[in-house]
Amino acid sequence: MRLVRVVQFIKELRLLLKCVLGSLMSLFWSCCLLGAISLLFAIVLVQQMSTAVAQGAFNADQVQKTYDMFGSVQGASLTLVKSISGGEDWGPLYELVLRAGKLPACFFLGYVLFIWLSVANIITAVFVDNALKNAKPHTDELILERHKEDFESVRTLQTIFRSLDADNSNTLTLGELKRSFCDLRIINFFEMAGLDIKDVEMFFNVLSQVSESHEVDMDAFVDGCLKMKGYATNMDVFLLLFQSKMAAEKLMLSIGQCKLQMEQLKCKMECSKEDAQEAQ
């Protein structure tokens, strides 16, 4: 039980166990496929070798070896599996089968090539694909990793804020920020936090809008930096386009209202002018 608890904290070992357990079904069906193919070839080879033994194509030693290797369907299946898995060299087996005729020799050689070039590569590709799928982290793991990254970012930004706050007032002014950017270490801190700041004054103005004051506290600094961290996504671009469209619609509405008010004012001025002329 302690070992199982320790495995939870060993990421590489847990990943290997996850891939192995996730490939058990592929292993089962691969064994079934390999067994079915070997059984089919074994039936044909047992018939061919039995006919050759009956016709006297082997001497006494070869007959005994033939019975050991191809005396039954089960034994022949095991021999074929050994020939393609390294348990038995297929060269001497091919020479033995060749004495029974060219047809069984070609059949045996076709089995070796078919398994080696086709079935083995396909099975390997299936196992690799399953391993890659199982190696991908789940949603919970991704969320946990994201929380860890956010926590580390907050700690880094808090360290940067303490470095920028020269008078230990827990607030940051534009002058302190400008003086701090003369230090290359501070610039490296911002780059480590994922912030590439080109205009210090513009950066401070954005932070001051978050805090709604001329001085920026630690919470506003961290919150503003987290919002400006990273690159713009499609969602950000779409949000900007939507806000621009809404602003344009409000502007056009305001322009229409201004035109209407100007026309009403013009009509009133013309009426007042006509009344003044009539009064004269």
Protein backbone atom coordinates (compact mmCIF):
# COMPACT_ATOMS: atom_id res chain seq x y z
CA MET A 1 0.00 0.00 0.00
CA ARG A 2 2.86 2.36 0.72
CA LEU A 3 4.36 1.51 -2.66
CA VAL A 4 1.09 2.45 -4.39
CA ARG A 5 1.08 5.79 -2.56
CA VAL A 6 4.69 6.44 -3.59
CA VAL A 7 3.85 5.72 -7.26
CA GLN A 8 1.44 8.67 -7.24
CA PHE A 9 4.37 11.04 -6.71
CA ILE A 10 6.66 9.48 -9.36
CA LYS A 11 5.45 11.00 -12.59
CA GLU A 12 7.56 8.94 -15.02
CA LEU A 13 6.74 5.60 -13.37
CA ARG A 14 3.06 6.50 -13.19
CA LEU A 15 3.12 7.36 -16.89
CA LEU A 16 4.72 4.03 -17.77
CA LEU A 17 2.19 2.07 -15.71
CA LYS A 18 -0.63 4.04 -17.30
CA CYS A 19 0.62 3.24 -20.82
CA VAL A 20 1.09 -0.45 -20.03
CA LEU A 21 -2.36 -0.83 -18.47
CA GLY A 22 -3.94 1.13 -21.32
CA SER A 23 -2.42 -1.29 -23.87
CA LEU A 24 -3.72 -4.52 -22.33
CA MET A 25 -6.66 -4.79 -24.72
CA SER A 26 -4.37 -4.18 -27.69
CA LEU A 27 -2.05 -6.88 -26.34
CA PHE A 28 -4.93 -9.35 -26.04
CA TRP A 29 -6.20 -8.80 -29.59
CA SER A 30 -2.66 -8.82 -30.99
CA CYS A 31 -2.09 -12.22 -29.43
CA CYS A 32 -5.39 -13.43 -30.88
CA LEU A 33 -4.45 -12.20 -34.37
CA LEU A 34 -0.96 -13.68 -34.22
CA GLY A 35 -2.33 -16.98 -32.90
CA ALA A 36 -4.95 -17.19 -35.64
CA ILE A 37 -2.42 -16.52 -38.41
CA SER A 38 0.07 -18.99 -36.94
CA LEU A 39 -2.66 -21.62 -36.59
CA LEU A 40 -3.66 -21.23 -40.24
CA PHE A 41 -0.09 -21.60 -41.51
CA ALA A 42 0.56 -24.45 -39.05
CA ILE A 43 -2.33 -26.53 -40.43
CA VAL A 44 -0.95 -26.29 -43.97
CA LEU A 45 2.64 -27.01 -42.91
CA VAL A 46 1.65 -30.03 -40.81
CA GLN A 47 -0.16 -31.53 -43.79
CA GLN A 48 2.78 -30.86 -46.14
CA MET A 49 5.40 -32.20 -43.70
CA SER A 50 3.34 -35.32 -42.91
CA THR A 51 3.05 -36.08 -46.62
CA ALA A 52 6.81 -35.61 -47.09
CA VAL A 53 7.58 -37.95 -44.15
CA ALA A 54 5.27 -40.58 -45.61
CA GLN A 55 7.04 -40.30 -48.96
CA GLY A 56 10.47 -40.83 -47.31
CA ALA A 57 11.90 -37.37 -47.98
CA PHE A 58 13.75 -37.31 -44.61
CA ASN A 59 16.31 -39.50 -42.91
CA ALA A 60 15.88 -40.86 -39.38
CA ASP A 61 17.27 -37.79 -37.59
CA GLN A 62 15.26 -35.39 -39.74
CA VAL A 63 12.09 -37.43 -39.20
CA GLN A 64 12.46 -37.11 -35.44
CA LYS A 65 13.12 -33.37 -35.72
CA THR A 66 10.14 -33.02 -38.04
CA TYR A 67 7.91 -34.75 -35.50
CA ASP A 68 9.25 -32.46 -32.77
CA MET A 69 8.70 -29.28 -34.79
CA PHE A 70 5.68 -30.12 -36.98
CA GLY A 71 4.23 -33.24 -35.42
CA SER A 72 1.00 -31.53 -34.36
CA VAL A 73 -0.87 -28.33 -35.10
CA GLN A 74 -0.15 -26.98 -31.63
CA GLY A 75 3.58 -27.81 -31.93
CA ALA A 76 3.77 -26.30 -35.42
CA SER A 77 2.05 -23.11 -34.19
CA LEU A 78 4.58 -22.82 -31.38
CA THR A 79 7.43 -23.42 -33.84
CA LEU A 80 6.16 -20.68 -36.13
CA VAL A 81 5.84 -18.23 -33.23
CA LYS A 82 9.39 -19.08 -32.15
CA SER A 83 10.68 -18.47 -35.67
CA ILE A 84 9.42 -14.86 -35.72
CA SER A 85 10.05 -13.98 -32.04
CA GLY A 86 13.69 -15.03 -31.63
CA GLY A 87 12.96 -18.25 -29.75
CA GLU A 88 14.15 -20.36 -32.70
CA ASP A 89 16.28 -19.39 -35.69
CA TRP A 90 14.15 -19.67 -38.81
CA GLY A 91 17.13 -20.55 -41.05
CA PRO A 92 17.50 -24.23 -39.99
CA LEU A 93 13.69 -24.54 -39.98
CA TYR A 94 13.56 -23.27 -43.53
CA GLU A 95 16.17 -25.84 -44.61
CA LEU A 96 14.14 -28.59 -42.95
CA VAL A 97 10.90 -27.48 -44.61
CA LEU A 98 12.71 -27.14 -47.96
CA ARG A 99 13.39 -30.89 -48.01
CA ALA A 100 9.61 -31.39 -48.07
CA GLY A 101 9.35 -29.39 -51.30
CA LYS A 102 9.42 -25.88 -52.67
CA LEU A 103 5.75 -25.24 -51.94
CA PRO A 104 5.95 -25.69 -48.13
CA ALA A 105 9.29 -23.82 -48.14
CA CYS A 106 7.68 -20.85 -49.92
CA PHE A 107 4.73 -21.11 -47.56
CA PHE A 108 7.01 -20.98 -44.51
CA LEU A 109 9.07 -18.13 -45.93
CA GLY A 110 5.87 -16.23 -46.78
CA TYR A 111 4.72 -16.60 -43.17
CA VAL A 112 7.99 -15.16 -41.82
CA LEU A 113 7.98 -12.23 -44.24
CA PHE A 114 4.27 -11.51 -43.73
CA ILE A 115 4.60 -11.42 -39.94
CA TRP A 116 7.90 -9.51 -39.99
CA LEU A 117 6.98 -6.85 -42.57
CA SER A 118 3.25 -6.42 -42.04
CA VAL A 119 1.75 -7.75 -38.83
CA ALA A 120 4.64 -6.84 -36.52
CA ASN A 121 4.83 -3.26 -37.83
CA ILE A 122 1.06 -2.81 -37.57
CA ILE A 123 0.99 -4.12 -34.02
CA THR A 124 3.89 -1.85 -33.10
CA ALA A 125 2.07 1.15 -34.58
CA VAL A 126 -1.07 0.30 -32.58
CA PHE A 127 0.92 0.05 -29.34
CA VAL A 128 2.71 3.33 -30.04
CA ASP A 129 -0.60 5.05 -30.80
CA ASN A 130 -2.14 3.73 -27.57
CA ALA A 131 0.91 4.82 -25.60
CA LEU A 132 0.71 8.35 -27.05
CA LYS A 133 -2.99 8.58 -26.24
CA ASN A 134 -2.47 7.35 -22.69
CA ALA A 135 0.51 9.67 -22.22
CA LYS A 136 -1.69 12.73 -22.80
CA PRO A 137 -2.68 14.30 -19.47
CA HIS A 138 -6.32 14.27 -18.42
CA THR A 139 -8.38 17.37 -17.73
CA ASP A 140 -7.74 17.21 -13.98
CA GLU A 141 -3.99 17.04 -14.53
CA LEU A 142 -4.11 19.96 -16.95
CA ILE A 143 -6.13 22.02 -14.45
CA LEU A 144 -3.67 21.16 -11.69
CA GLU A 145 -0.70 22.13 -13.86
CA ARG A 146 -2.41 25.38 -14.80
CA HIS A 147 -3.05 26.20 -11.14
CA LYS A 148 0.60 25.52 -10.35
CA GLU A 149 1.72 27.81 -13.17
CA ASP A 150 -0.64 30.57 -12.00
CA PHE A 151 0.60 30.20 -8.42
CA GLU A 152 4.22 30.45 -9.55
CA SER A 153 3.37 33.50 -11.68
CA VAL A 154 1.73 35.22 -8.69
CA ARG A 155 4.77 34.53 -6.52
CA THR A 156 7.11 35.87 -9.20
CA LEU A 157 5.03 39.04 -9.64
CA GLN A 158 4.91 39.61 -5.89
CA THR A 159 8.71 39.33 -5.79
CA ILE A 160 8.96 41.85 -8.63
CA PHE A 161 6.62 44.25 -6.82
CA ARG A 162 8.73 44.12 -3.65
CA SER A 163 11.81 44.87 -5.76
CA LEU A 164 10.10 47.85 -7.37
CA ASP A 165 8.74 49.26 -4.10
CA ALA A 166 11.82 51.20 -3.01
CA ASP A 167 10.23 53.04 -0.05
CA ASN A 168 8.36 49.97 1.27
CA SER A 169 5.05 51.79 1.11
CA ASN A 170 3.22 48.78 -0.41
CA THR A 171 2.34 51.04 -3.33
CA LEU A 172 4.09 51.69 -6.61
CA THR A 173 4.42 55.08 -8.33
CA LEU A 174 5.43 55.98 -11.87
CA GLY A 175 8.75 57.38 -10.67
CA GLU A 176 9.65 54.17 -8.85
CA LEU A 177 8.75 52.12 -11.90
CA LYS A 178 10.88 54.26 -14.22
CA ARG A 179 13.87 54.16 -11.87
CA SER A 180 13.56 50.41 -11.48
CA PHE A 181 13.61 49.84 -15.24
CA CYS A 182 17.16 51.12 -15.33
CA ASP A 183 18.13 47.85 -13.62
CA LEU A 184 18.63 44.96 -16.03
CA ARG A 185 17.69 42.48 -13.30
CA ILE A 186 14.18 43.95 -13.07
CA ILE A 187 13.76 43.68 -16.84
CA ASN A 188 14.81 40.02 -16.66
CA PHE A 189 12.25 39.46 -13.91
CA PHE A 190 9.49 40.81 -16.12
CA GLU A 191 10.64 38.66 -19.02
CA MET A 192 10.59 35.59 -16.77
CA ALA A 193 7.01 36.47 -15.85
CA GLY A 194 6.07 36.60 -19.55
CA LEU A 195 5.82 40.41 -19.82
CA ASP A 196 7.66 42.26 -22.58
CA ILE A 197 7.29 45.93 -21.60
CA LYS A 198 8.29 48.51 -24.21
CA ASP A 199 6.58 51.64 -22.84
CA VAL A 200 6.92 51.97 -19.05
CA GLU A 201 4.53 54.91 -18.76
CA MET A 202 1.82 53.18 -20.77
CA PHE A 203 2.30 50.05 -18.65
CA PHE A 204 1.85 52.08 -15.46
CA ASN A 205 -1.24 53.83 -16.84
CA VAL A 206 -2.85 50.46 -17.50
CA LEU A 207 -2.05 49.32 -13.96
CA SER A 208 -3.39 52.56 -12.48
CA GLN A 209 -6.68 52.00 -14.30
CA VAL A 210 -6.96 48.65 -12.55
CA SER A 211 -6.35 50.22 -9.12
CA GLU A 212 -8.27 53.41 -10.06
CA SER A 213 -5.65 55.63 -8.41
CA HIS A 214 -2.30 57.26 -9.13
CA GLU A 215 -0.54 54.62 -7.07
CA VAL A 216 -0.64 50.87 -7.65
CA ASP A 217 -0.82 48.41 -4.77
CA MET A 218 0.37 44.79 -4.88
CA ASP A 219 -3.01 43.24 -5.69
CA ALA A 220 -3.64 45.64 -8.58
CA PHE A 221 -0.10 45.08 -9.85
CA VAL A 222 -0.43 41.28 -9.81
CA ASP A 223 -3.93 41.35 -11.30
CA GLY A 224 -2.93 43.74 -14.10
CA CYS A 225 0.23 41.82 -14.97
CA LEU A 226 -1.67 38.52 -15.12
CA LYS A 227 -4.19 40.04 -17.51
CA MET A 228 -1.43 41.42 -19.75
CA LYS A 229 0.64 38.23 -19.61
CA GLY A 230 1.02 36.14 -22.76
CA TYR A 231 -0.10 36.69 -26.32
CA ALA A 232 -3.45 37.75 -27.70
CA THR A 233 -5.79 34.90 -28.57
CA ASN A 234 -8.62 34.72 -31.09
CA MET A 235 -11.04 35.38 -28.23
CA ASP A 236 -9.22 38.59 -27.36
CA VAL A 237 -9.30 39.76 -30.97
CA PHE A 238 -12.99 38.91 -31.27
CA LEU A 239 -13.71 40.80 -28.03
CA LEU A 240 -11.87 43.87 -29.34
CA LEU A 241 -13.79 43.73 -32.61
CA PHE A 242 -17.08 43.41 -30.72
CA GLN A 243 -16.23 46.34 -28.45
CA SER A 244 -15.18 48.44 -31.46
CA LYS A 245 -18.46 47.62 -33.21
CA MET A 246 -20.49 48.55 -30.13
CA ALA A 247 -18.53 51.80 -29.75
CA ALA A 248 -19.11 52.62 -33.43
CA GLU A 249 -22.84 51.98 -33.07
CA LYS A 250 -23.02 54.23 -29.99
CA LEU A 251 -21.06 56.91 -31.83
CA MET A 252 -23.39 56.76 -34.83
CA LEU A 253 -26.40 56.98 -32.49
CA SER A 254 -24.90 60.00 -30.75
CA ILE A 255 -24.18 61.66 -34.10
CA GLY A 256 -27.78 61.05 -35.17
CA GLN A 257 -29.10 62.57 -31.96
CA CYS A 258 -26.80 65.57 -32.37
CA LYS A 259 -28.05 66.11 -35.93
CA LEU A 260 -31.66 65.92 -34.75
CA GLN A 261 -31.00 68.42 -31.98
CA MET A 262 -29.18 70.74 -34.39
CA GLU A 263 -32.13 70.64 -36.79
CA GLN A 264 -34.56 71.37 -33.96
CA LEU A 265 -32.37 74.23 -32.78
CA LYS A 266 -32.17 75.57 -36.33
CA CYS A 267 -35.95 75.46 -36.65
CA LYS A 268 -36.37 77.30 -33.36
CA MET A 269 -33.86 79.93 -34.41
CA GLU A 270 -35.65 80.45 -37.73
CA CYS A 271 -39.02 80.72 -35.95
CA SER A 272 -37.58 83.21 -33.49
CA LYS A 273 -36.14 85.24 -36.37
CA GLU A 274 -39.50 85.32 -38.19
CA ASP A 275 -41.31 86.37 -35.00
CA ALA A 276 -38.80 89.18 -34.49
CA GLN A 277 -39.30 90.40 -38.07
CA GLU A 278 -43.09 90.37 -37.67
CA ALA A 279 -42.82 92.27 -34.40
CA GLN A 280 -40.74 94.97 -36.13
